[in-house]
Amino acid sequence: MEVRLATGHGTSDGTRETESDTSMDEPKIIHTKTFSCDNDHPIVWYTFDNKIDSTNKTDKGYVVCEYCYEKFVYEPKDFHAQMLEEKELLDMSMKESIKQKKERTYSEEMQDKIEPIDNDYVNKILKGSG
């Protein structure tokens, strides 16, 4: 696995990229600062470490893959979208917990008798009112 660090205002070998070097397509929006590109070439990992609001005049606000010239732009998720995604993950986790509870072994059933799980509370969380 090849890992490269990209700053968005030059390539990792220190050379400067020109507009003709970059892809003419719309940039690909990413929501993580570490990402990979594997468009018909070996997988390459990049870390987006530049700051879009930087005062550096050479900072273009994007990273370009050095193999296929795909342009990547980092945009953090808005708060609402991130919260919905996290709620979905929590719901999946809770559903998996309920499924596993139904598949308990004898020793796990004994543990449930000692420390019971409040099903009303679980259902309240699954409905989103908890």
C-alpha atoms as a PDB file:
ATOM      1  CA  MET A   1       0.000   0.000   0.000  1.00  0.00           C
ATOM      2  CA  GLU A   2       1.389   3.354  -1.012  1.00  0.00           C
ATOM      3  CA  VAL A   3       0.731   6.322   1.266  1.00  0.00           C
ATOM      4  CA  ARG A   4       1.365   9.902   0.230  1.00  0.00           C
ATOM      5  CA  LEU A   5       0.807  13.191   1.970  1.00  0.00           C
ATOM      6  CA  ALA A   6      -0.808  15.865  -0.172  1.00  0.00           C
ATOM      7  CA  THR A   7      -1.076  19.492   0.829  1.00  0.00           C
ATOM      8  CA  GLY A   8      -3.342  20.675  -1.957  1.00  0.00           C
ATOM      9  CA  HIS A   9      -0.930  23.291  -3.298  1.00  0.00           C
ATOM     10  CA  GLY A  10       1.660  21.020  -4.806  1.00  0.00           C
ATOM     11  CA  THR A  11       2.513  17.395  -5.321  1.00  0.00           C
ATOM     12  CA  SER A  12       4.250  15.217  -2.742  1.00  0.00           C
ATOM     13  CA  ASP A  13       7.555  15.431  -4.647  1.00  0.00           C
ATOM     14  CA  GLY A  14       7.550  19.229  -4.319  1.00  0.00           C
ATOM     15  CA  THR A  15       6.693  20.070  -7.936  1.00  0.00           C
ATOM     16  CA  ARG A  16       3.894  22.455  -8.656  1.00  0.00           C
ATOM     17  CA  GLU A  17       0.832  21.292 -10.537  1.00  0.00           C
ATOM     18  CA  THR A  18      -0.728  23.410 -13.266  1.00  0.00           C
ATOM     19  CA  GLU A  19      -4.363  23.728 -14.234  1.00  0.00           C
ATOM     20  CA  SER A  20      -3.721  21.607 -17.348  1.00  0.00           C
ATOM     21  CA  ASP A  21      -2.471  18.800 -15.075  1.00  0.00           C
ATOM     22  CA  THR A  22      -5.754  18.538 -13.205  1.00  0.00           C
ATOM     23  CA  SER A  23      -8.930  16.776 -14.237  1.00  0.00           C
ATOM     24  CA  MET A  24     -11.512  18.878 -16.043  1.00  0.00           C
ATOM     25  CA  ASP A  25     -14.325  17.015 -14.274  1.00  0.00           C
ATOM     26  CA  GLU A  26     -16.085  18.364 -11.242  1.00  0.00           C
ATOM     27  CA  PRO A  27     -14.091  17.721  -8.066  1.00  0.00           C
ATOM     28  CA  LYS A  28     -15.069  14.751  -5.947  1.00  0.00           C
ATOM     29  CA  ILE A  29     -16.453  15.881  -2.574  1.00  0.00           C
ATOM     30  CA  ILE A  30     -15.017  13.937   0.362  1.00  0.00           C
ATOM     31  CA  HIS A  31     -16.022  14.087   4.012  1.00  0.00           C
ATOM     32  CA  THR A  32     -12.888  12.607   5.590  1.00  0.00           C
ATOM     33  CA  LYS A  33      -9.418  14.105   5.708  1.00  0.00           C
ATOM     34  CA  THR A  34      -7.758  10.768   4.880  1.00  0.00           C
ATOM     35  CA  PHE A  35      -8.965   9.152   1.678  1.00  0.00           C
ATOM     36  CA  SER A  36      -7.873   6.925  -1.185  1.00  0.00           C
ATOM     37  CA  CYS A  37      -8.010   6.949  -4.965  1.00  0.00           C
ATOM     38  CA  ASP A  38      -7.888   3.807  -7.124  1.00  0.00           C
ATOM     39  CA  ASN A  39      -9.226   4.867 -10.538  1.00  0.00           C
ATOM     40  CA  ASP A  40      -7.538   2.287 -12.809  1.00  0.00           C
ATOM     41  CA  HIS A  41      -4.247   2.575 -10.916  1.00  0.00           C
ATOM     42  CA  PRO A  42      -2.742   1.255  -7.681  1.00  0.00           C
ATOM     43  CA  ILE A  43      -4.564   2.465  -4.597  1.00  0.00           C
ATOM     44  CA  VAL A  44      -3.043   5.678  -3.261  1.00  0.00           C
ATOM     45  CA  TRP A  45      -3.867   7.194   0.119  1.00  0.00           C
ATOM     46  CA  TYR A  46      -3.882  10.939   0.693  1.00  0.00           C
ATOM     47  CA  THR A  47      -4.263  13.100   3.766  1.00  0.00           C
ATOM     48  CA  PHE A  48      -6.037  16.369   3.204  1.00  0.00           C
ATOM     49  CA  ASP A  49      -4.178  18.693   5.533  1.00  0.00           C
ATOM     50  CA  ASN A  50      -4.550  22.091   3.913  1.00  0.00           C
ATOM     51  CA  LYS A  51      -6.863  24.758   5.223  1.00  0.00           C
ATOM     52  CA  ILE A  52      -9.343  26.200   2.745  1.00  0.00           C
ATOM     53  CA  ASP A  53      -9.477  29.476   4.679  1.00  0.00           C
ATOM     54  CA  SER A  54      -5.701  29.779   4.634  1.00  0.00           C
ATOM     55  CA  THR A  55      -4.023  33.070   3.808  1.00  0.00           C
ATOM     56  CA  ASN A  56      -1.499  31.166   1.678  1.00  0.00           C
ATOM     57  CA  LYS A  57      -2.106  32.324  -1.925  1.00  0.00           C
ATOM     58  CA  THR A  58      -0.876  29.002  -3.392  1.00  0.00           C
ATOM     59  CA  ASP A  59      -3.443  27.009  -1.390  1.00  0.00           C
ATOM     60  CA  LYS A  60      -6.069  25.927  -3.939  1.00  0.00           C
ATOM     61  CA  GLY A  61      -8.418  24.160  -1.496  1.00  0.00           C
ATOM     62  CA  TYR A  62      -8.212  20.781  -3.227  1.00  0.00           C
ATOM     63  CA  VAL A  63      -5.977  17.733  -3.634  1.00  0.00           C
ATOM     64  CA  VAL A  64      -5.214  16.110  -7.004  1.00  0.00           C
ATOM     65  CA  CYS A  65      -4.395  12.408  -7.447  1.00  0.00           C
ATOM     66  CA  GLU A  66      -0.952  12.122  -8.962  1.00  0.00           C
ATOM     67  CA  TYR A  67      -1.944   9.112 -11.085  1.00  0.00           C
ATOM     68  CA  CYS A  68      -5.300   9.999 -12.642  1.00  0.00           C
ATOM     69  CA  TYR A  69      -5.521  13.715 -11.810  1.00  0.00           C
ATOM     70  CA  GLU A  70      -8.863  13.285 -10.049  1.00  0.00           C
ATOM     71  CA  LYS A  71      -9.569  16.408  -8.008  1.00  0.00           C
ATOM     72  CA  PHE A  72     -10.780  16.004  -4.386  1.00  0.00           C
ATOM     73  CA  VAL A  73     -12.326  18.707  -2.223  1.00  0.00           C
ATOM     74  CA  TYR A  74     -12.850  18.279   1.520  1.00  0.00           C
ATOM     75  CA  GLU A  75     -16.168  19.448   2.922  1.00  0.00           C
ATOM     76  CA  PRO A  76     -17.142  18.580   6.474  1.00  0.00           C
ATOM     77  CA  LYS A  77     -20.623  17.149   6.898  1.00  0.00           C
ATOM     78  CA  ASP A  78     -23.199  19.554   8.216  1.00  0.00           C
ATOM     79  CA  PHE A  79     -24.354  18.922  11.767  1.00  0.00           C
ATOM     80  CA  HIS A  80     -27.807  17.591  10.836  1.00  0.00           C
ATOM     81  CA  ALA A  81     -26.503  15.067   8.285  1.00  0.00           C
ATOM     82  CA  GLN A  82     -23.853  13.849  10.715  1.00  0.00           C
ATOM     83  CA  MET A  83     -26.401  13.430  13.516  1.00  0.00           C
ATOM     84  CA  LEU A  84     -28.753  11.456  11.244  1.00  0.00           C
ATOM     85  CA  GLU A  85     -25.888   9.176  10.239  1.00  0.00           C
ATOM     86  CA  GLU A  86     -24.919   8.600  13.878  1.00  0.00           C
ATOM     87  CA  LYS A  87     -28.551   7.930  14.840  1.00  0.00           C
ATOM     88  CA  GLU A  88     -28.780   5.338  12.068  1.00  0.00           C
ATOM     89  CA  LEU A  89     -25.629   3.641  13.361  1.00  0.00           C
ATOM     90  CA  LEU A  90     -26.977   3.621  16.912  1.00  0.00           C
ATOM     91  CA  ASP A  91     -30.290   2.173  15.712  1.00  0.00           C
ATOM     92  CA  MET A  92     -28.454  -0.600  13.851  1.00  0.00           C
ATOM     93  CA  SER A  93     -26.412  -1.298  16.979  1.00  0.00           C
ATOM     94  CA  MET A  94     -29.507  -1.456  19.165  1.00  0.00           C
ATOM     95  CA  LYS A  95     -31.269  -3.793  16.715  1.00  0.00           C
ATOM     96  CA  GLU A  96     -28.185  -6.027  16.682  1.00  0.00           C
ATOM     97  CA  SER A  97     -28.169  -6.063  20.488  1.00  0.00           C
ATOM     98  CA  ILE A  98     -31.822  -7.149  20.541  1.00  0.00           C
ATOM     99  CA  LYS A  99     -31.088  -9.849  17.973  1.00  0.00           C
ATOM    100  CA  GLN A 100     -28.166 -11.109  20.038  1.00  0.00           C
ATOM    101  CA  LYS A 101     -30.310 -11.063  23.167  1.00  0.00           C
ATOM    102  CA  LYS A 102     -32.696 -13.491  21.465  1.00  0.00           C
ATOM    103  CA  GLU A 103     -29.756 -15.803  20.699  1.00  0.00           C
ATOM    104  CA  ARG A 104     -28.456 -15.998  24.277  1.00  0.00           C
ATOM    105  CA  THR A 105     -26.594 -18.956  25.709  1.00  0.00           C
ATOM    106  CA  TYR A 106     -27.558 -20.397  29.088  1.00  0.00           C
ATOM    107  CA  SER A 107     -24.874 -18.416  30.921  1.00  0.00           C
ATOM    108  CA  GLU A 108     -25.967 -15.201  29.188  1.00  0.00           C
ATOM    109  CA  GLU A 109     -29.579 -15.880  30.185  1.00  0.00           C
ATOM    110  CA  MET A 110     -28.434 -16.278  33.785  1.00  0.00           C
ATOM    111  CA  GLN A 111     -26.613 -12.943  33.537  1.00  0.00           C
ATOM    112  CA  ASP A 112     -29.829 -11.324  32.247  1.00  0.00           C
ATOM    113  CA  LYS A 113     -31.673 -12.610  35.318  1.00  0.00           C
ATOM    114  CA  ILE A 114     -29.032 -11.071  37.571  1.00  0.00           C
ATOM    115  CA  GLU A 115     -28.887  -7.752  35.628  1.00  0.00           C
ATOM    116  CA  PRO A 116     -32.074  -7.408  33.559  1.00  0.00           C
ATOM    117  CA  ILE A 117     -32.311  -5.135  30.513  1.00  0.00           C
ATOM    118  CA  ASP A 118     -35.249  -2.694  30.556  1.00  0.00           C
ATOM    119  CA  ASN A 119     -37.136  -3.487  27.301  1.00  0.00           C
ATOM    120  CA  ASP A 120     -39.343  -0.393  27.633  1.00  0.00           C
ATOM    121  CA  TYR A 121     -36.227   1.778  27.611  1.00  0.00           C
ATOM    122  CA  VAL A 122     -34.812  -0.095  24.582  1.00  0.00           C
ATOM    123  CA  ASN A 123     -38.063   0.365  22.640  1.00  0.00           C
ATOM    124  CA  LYS A 124     -38.176   4.033  23.600  1.00  0.00           C
ATOM    125  CA  ILE A 125     -34.668   4.528  22.184  1.00  0.00           C
ATOM    126  CA  LEU A 126     -35.520   2.665  18.970  1.00  0.00           C
ATOM    127  CA  LYS A 127     -38.513   4.951  18.428  1.00  0.00           C
ATOM    128  CA  GLY A 128     -36.235   7.984  18.827  1.00  0.00           C
ATOM    129  CA  SER A 129     -37.830   9.436  21.921  1.00  0.00           C
ATOM    130  CA  GLY A 130     -35.086   8.414  24.353  1.00  0.00           C
END
